[in-house]
């Protein structure tokens, strides 16, 4: 599936991934390929991305490595939309 992580400053990441875990307001949840369409508010927490991910050098300082080799981005709030195997995370 395709993931875009967009902040007010720039698109931090855009590319193919295998899984995305986000901090929803009602708890953390994960999206895999062919997940049902969803729109949700996000709270402070970590966006965890699995897959062979290449982060642009200008934004590498915003990401860290988590458990199991996942790539992690800390956010304070945001929204997520998943539709037709495309995930868009609008993050602060």
N, C-alpha and C. Protein backbone atom coordinates (compact mmCIF):
# COMPACT_ATOMS: atom_id res chain seq x y z
N UNK A 1 0.84 -1.18 0.00
CA UNK A 1 0.00 0.00 0.00
C UNK A 1 0.88 1.24 0.00
N UNK A 2 0.30 2.35 -0.37
CA UNK A 2 1.05 3.60 -0.51
C UNK A 2 0.77 4.49 0.69
N UNK A 3 1.82 5.08 1.26
CA UNK A 3 1.69 5.95 2.42
C UNK A 3 2.28 7.31 2.13
N UNK A 4 1.55 8.35 2.54
CA UNK A 4 2.07 9.72 2.55
C UNK A 4 1.96 10.25 3.97
N UNK A 5 3.06 10.80 4.49
CA UNK A 5 3.04 11.48 5.77
C UNK A 5 3.33 12.95 5.49
N UNK A 6 2.35 13.79 5.79
CA UNK A 6 2.43 15.21 5.45
C UNK A 6 2.37 16.03 6.74
N UNK A 7 3.32 16.97 6.87
CA UNK A 7 3.32 17.90 8.00
C UNK A 7 3.02 19.29 7.45
N UNK A 8 2.82 20.28 8.30
CA UNK A 8 2.60 21.63 7.79
C UNK A 8 3.78 22.16 6.96
N UNK A 9 4.98 21.65 7.23
CA UNK A 9 6.17 22.12 6.53
C UNK A 9 6.41 21.44 5.19
N UNK A 10 6.12 20.13 5.11
CA UNK A 10 6.50 19.38 3.91
C UNK A 10 5.92 17.97 3.94
N UNK A 11 6.04 17.26 2.83
CA UNK A 11 5.74 15.84 2.79
C UNK A 11 6.97 15.11 3.32
N UNK A 12 6.83 14.50 4.50
CA UNK A 12 7.96 13.87 5.17
C UNK A 12 8.31 12.52 4.56
N UNK A 13 7.29 11.81 4.06
CA UNK A 13 7.53 10.50 3.44
C UNK A 13 6.42 10.21 2.44
N UNK A 14 6.78 9.58 1.35
CA UNK A 14 5.80 9.08 0.37
C UNK A 14 6.40 7.83 -0.26
N UNK A 15 5.70 6.70 -0.15
CA UNK A 15 6.21 5.48 -0.74
C UNK A 15 5.42 4.26 -0.31
N UNK A 16 5.84 3.11 -0.83
CA UNK A 16 5.18 1.84 -0.53
C UNK A 16 5.60 1.32 0.84
N UNK A 17 4.63 0.80 1.60
CA UNK A 17 4.88 0.23 2.93
C UNK A 17 4.06 -1.05 3.07
N UNK A 18 4.35 -1.83 4.12
CA UNK A 18 3.58 -3.06 4.35
C UNK A 18 2.55 -2.90 5.48
N UNK A 19 2.81 -1.96 6.42
CA UNK A 19 1.87 -1.74 7.53
C UNK A 19 2.10 -0.36 8.12
N UNK A 20 1.03 0.23 8.66
CA UNK A 20 1.10 1.52 9.35
C UNK A 20 0.29 1.41 10.64
N UNK A 21 0.90 1.81 11.75
CA UNK A 21 0.21 1.84 13.04
C UNK A 21 0.15 3.30 13.49
N UNK A 22 -1.04 3.74 13.89
CA UNK A 22 -1.23 5.15 14.26
C UNK A 22 -1.90 5.26 15.63
N UNK A 23 -1.68 6.40 16.33
CA UNK A 23 -2.29 6.61 17.65
C UNK A 23 -3.67 7.26 17.55
N UNK A 24 -4.68 6.48 17.29
CA UNK A 24 -6.04 7.01 17.19
C UNK A 24 -6.53 7.53 18.52
N UNK A 25 -7.54 8.39 18.50
CA UNK A 25 -8.05 8.97 19.75
C UNK A 25 -8.70 7.91 20.64
N UNK A 26 -9.13 6.79 20.06
CA UNK A 26 -9.71 5.69 20.84
C UNK A 26 -8.74 4.54 21.01
N UNK A 27 -7.46 4.79 20.75
CA UNK A 27 -6.46 3.74 20.89
C UNK A 27 -5.67 3.54 19.61
N UNK A 28 -4.53 2.90 19.77
CA UNK A 28 -3.65 2.64 18.63
C UNK A 28 -4.29 1.59 17.71
N UNK A 29 -4.15 1.77 16.39
CA UNK A 29 -4.63 0.75 15.46
C UNK A 29 -3.71 0.66 14.26
N UNK A 30 -3.75 -0.50 13.63
CA UNK A 30 -2.86 -0.79 12.49
C UNK A 30 -3.67 -0.98 11.23
N UNK A 31 -3.10 -0.53 10.11
CA UNK A 31 -3.71 -0.72 8.81
C UNK A 31 -2.76 -1.53 7.94
N UNK A 32 -3.31 -2.55 7.30
CA UNK A 32 -2.58 -3.38 6.36
C UNK A 32 -3.20 -3.20 4.98
N UNK A 33 -2.59 -3.82 3.99
CA UNK A 33 -3.13 -3.73 2.62
C UNK A 33 -4.58 -4.21 2.60
N UNK A 34 -5.40 -3.52 1.80
CA UNK A 34 -6.83 -3.81 1.62
C UNK A 34 -7.67 -3.57 2.88
N UNK A 35 -7.19 -2.70 3.77
CA UNK A 35 -7.97 -2.31 4.95
C UNK A 35 -9.22 -1.57 4.48
N UNK A 36 -10.27 -1.69 5.24
CA UNK A 36 -11.50 -0.96 4.92
C UNK A 36 -11.24 0.55 4.96
N UNK A 37 -11.97 1.31 4.15
CA UNK A 37 -11.78 2.78 4.18
C UNK A 37 -12.04 3.32 5.58
N UNK A 38 -11.23 4.29 5.99
CA UNK A 38 -11.36 4.86 7.33
C UNK A 38 -10.82 6.28 7.33
N UNK A 39 -11.44 7.12 8.16
CA UNK A 39 -10.92 8.46 8.48
C UNK A 39 -10.96 8.55 9.99
N UNK A 40 -9.85 8.98 10.61
CA UNK A 40 -9.79 9.04 12.06
C UNK A 40 -8.92 10.20 12.52
N UNK A 41 -9.26 10.73 13.70
CA UNK A 41 -8.41 11.73 14.35
C UNK A 41 -7.28 11.01 15.08
N UNK A 42 -6.12 11.65 15.14
CA UNK A 42 -4.97 11.09 15.83
C UNK A 42 -4.63 11.95 17.03
N UNK A 43 -4.12 11.29 18.07
CA UNK A 43 -3.67 12.00 19.26
C UNK A 43 -2.15 11.89 19.36
N UNK A 44 -1.61 12.48 20.40
CA UNK A 44 -0.16 12.43 20.59
C UNK A 44 0.30 10.98 20.71
N UNK A 45 1.36 10.66 19.99
CA UNK A 45 1.87 9.30 20.02
C UNK A 45 2.85 9.06 18.89
N UNK A 46 2.93 7.80 18.47
CA UNK A 46 3.91 7.42 17.45
C UNK A 46 3.23 6.79 16.24
N UNK A 47 3.61 7.26 15.06
CA UNK A 47 3.23 6.61 13.81
C UNK A 47 4.33 5.61 13.51
N UNK A 48 3.97 4.33 13.40
CA UNK A 48 4.95 3.27 13.18
C UNK A 48 4.73 2.68 11.79
N UNK A 49 5.80 2.64 11.01
CA UNK A 49 5.71 2.21 9.62
C UNK A 49 6.61 1.01 9.40
N UNK A 50 6.06 -0.02 8.76
CA UNK A 50 6.85 -1.21 8.43
C UNK A 50 7.01 -1.31 6.92
N UNK A 51 8.17 -1.75 6.51
CA UNK A 51 8.47 -1.90 5.10
C UNK A 51 9.89 -1.44 4.82
N UNK A 52 10.28 -1.53 3.57
CA UNK A 52 11.61 -1.07 3.15
C UNK A 52 11.51 0.41 2.86
N UNK A 53 11.79 1.24 3.88
CA UNK A 53 11.50 2.67 3.82
C UNK A 53 12.78 3.48 3.65
N UNK A 54 12.71 4.41 2.71
CA UNK A 54 13.83 5.32 2.49
C UNK A 54 13.34 6.74 2.77
N UNK A 55 13.88 7.35 3.83
CA UNK A 55 13.49 8.69 4.25
C UNK A 55 14.44 9.69 3.60
N UNK A 56 13.89 10.76 3.05
CA UNK A 56 14.71 11.84 2.49
C UNK A 56 15.66 12.35 3.56
N UNK A 57 16.89 12.60 3.17
CA UNK A 57 17.94 13.02 4.11
C UNK A 57 17.52 14.25 4.93
N UNK A 58 16.77 15.16 4.32
CA UNK A 58 16.36 16.39 5.00
C UNK A 58 15.43 16.12 6.18
N UNK A 59 14.76 14.96 6.21
CA UNK A 59 13.77 14.66 7.25
C UNK A 59 14.17 13.50 8.15
N UNK A 60 15.35 12.93 7.96
CA UNK A 60 15.76 11.76 8.75
C UNK A 60 15.79 12.04 10.25
N UNK A 61 16.05 13.30 10.64
CA UNK A 61 16.11 13.64 12.07
C UNK A 61 14.74 13.57 12.74
N UNK A 62 13.66 13.56 11.98
CA UNK A 62 12.31 13.48 12.55
C UNK A 62 11.89 12.04 12.85
N UNK A 63 12.59 11.07 12.25
CA UNK A 63 12.23 9.66 12.37
C UNK A 63 13.25 8.93 13.24
N UNK A 64 12.81 7.82 13.84
CA UNK A 64 13.71 6.95 14.59
C UNK A 64 13.38 5.51 14.24
N UNK A 65 14.23 4.59 14.68
CA UNK A 65 13.98 3.16 14.47
C UNK A 65 13.34 2.60 15.72
N UNK A 66 12.29 1.83 15.54
CA UNK A 66 11.60 1.21 16.66
C UNK A 66 11.89 -0.28 16.73
N UNK A 67 11.07 -0.97 17.47
CA UNK A 67 11.19 -2.42 17.58
C UNK A 67 10.89 -3.09 16.25
N UNK A 68 11.48 -4.23 16.03
CA UNK A 68 11.23 -5.01 14.80
C UNK A 68 11.58 -4.26 13.53
N UNK A 69 12.50 -3.27 13.62
CA UNK A 69 12.95 -2.56 12.42
C UNK A 69 11.96 -1.57 11.85
N UNK A 70 10.90 -1.25 12.58
CA UNK A 70 9.93 -0.28 12.07
C UNK A 70 10.50 1.13 12.16
N UNK A 71 9.97 2.00 11.32
CA UNK A 71 10.35 3.41 11.32
C UNK A 71 9.29 4.18 12.10
N UNK A 72 9.71 5.06 13.00
CA UNK A 72 8.78 5.70 13.95
C UNK A 72 8.86 7.22 13.81
N UNK A 73 7.69 7.86 13.78
CA UNK A 73 7.57 9.32 13.78
C UNK A 73 6.68 9.72 14.95
N UNK A 74 7.18 10.56 15.85
CA UNK A 74 6.37 11.07 16.96
C UNK A 74 5.54 12.25 16.48
N UNK A 75 4.25 12.25 16.86
CA UNK A 75 3.34 13.34 16.47
C UNK A 75 2.62 13.86 17.70
N UNK A 76 2.08 15.07 17.60
CA UNK A 76 1.28 15.62 18.69
C UNK A 76 -0.22 15.50 18.40
N UNK A 77 -0.59 15.49 17.11
CA UNK A 77 -1.98 15.32 16.71
C UNK A 77 -2.02 15.14 15.20
N UNK A 78 -3.21 14.88 14.67
CA UNK A 78 -3.33 14.76 13.22
C UNK A 78 -4.59 14.02 12.81
N UNK A 79 -4.63 13.66 11.54
CA UNK A 79 -5.72 12.86 10.99
C UNK A 79 -5.12 11.82 10.06
N UNK A 80 -5.86 10.74 9.84
CA UNK A 80 -5.44 9.71 8.91
C UNK A 80 -6.63 9.33 8.04
N UNK A 81 -6.36 9.08 6.78
CA UNK A 81 -7.38 8.57 5.85
C UNK A 81 -6.79 7.40 5.11
N UNK A 82 -7.55 6.31 5.01
CA UNK A 82 -7.16 5.16 4.20
C UNK A 82 -8.29 4.88 3.22
N UNK A 83 -7.92 4.78 1.95
CA UNK A 83 -8.91 4.50 0.92
C UNK A 83 -8.17 3.94 -0.29
N UNK A 84 -8.64 2.84 -0.83
CA UNK A 84 -8.06 2.21 -2.03
C UNK A 84 -6.55 1.97 -1.88
N UNK A 85 -6.14 1.41 -0.73
CA UNK A 85 -4.74 1.09 -0.45
C UNK A 85 -3.81 2.30 -0.47
N UNK A 86 -4.36 3.48 -0.19
CA UNK A 86 -3.54 4.68 -0.03
C UNK A 86 -3.86 5.28 1.34
N UNK A 87 -2.80 5.48 2.13
CA UNK A 87 -2.93 6.05 3.47
C UNK A 87 -2.31 7.44 3.44
N UNK A 88 -3.06 8.42 3.94
CA UNK A 88 -2.54 9.78 4.08
C UNK A 88 -2.60 10.14 5.56
N UNK A 89 -1.45 10.47 6.13
CA UNK A 89 -1.36 10.93 7.52
C UNK A 89 -1.03 12.41 7.48
N UNK A 90 -1.92 13.25 8.02
CA UNK A 90 -1.67 14.67 8.18
C UNK A 90 -1.25 14.85 9.63
N UNK A 91 0.00 15.18 9.87
CA UNK A 91 0.54 15.15 11.22
C UNK A 91 1.12 16.49 11.66
N UNK A 92 0.94 16.79 12.94
CA UNK A 92 1.59 17.94 13.59
C UNK A 92 2.67 17.42 14.50
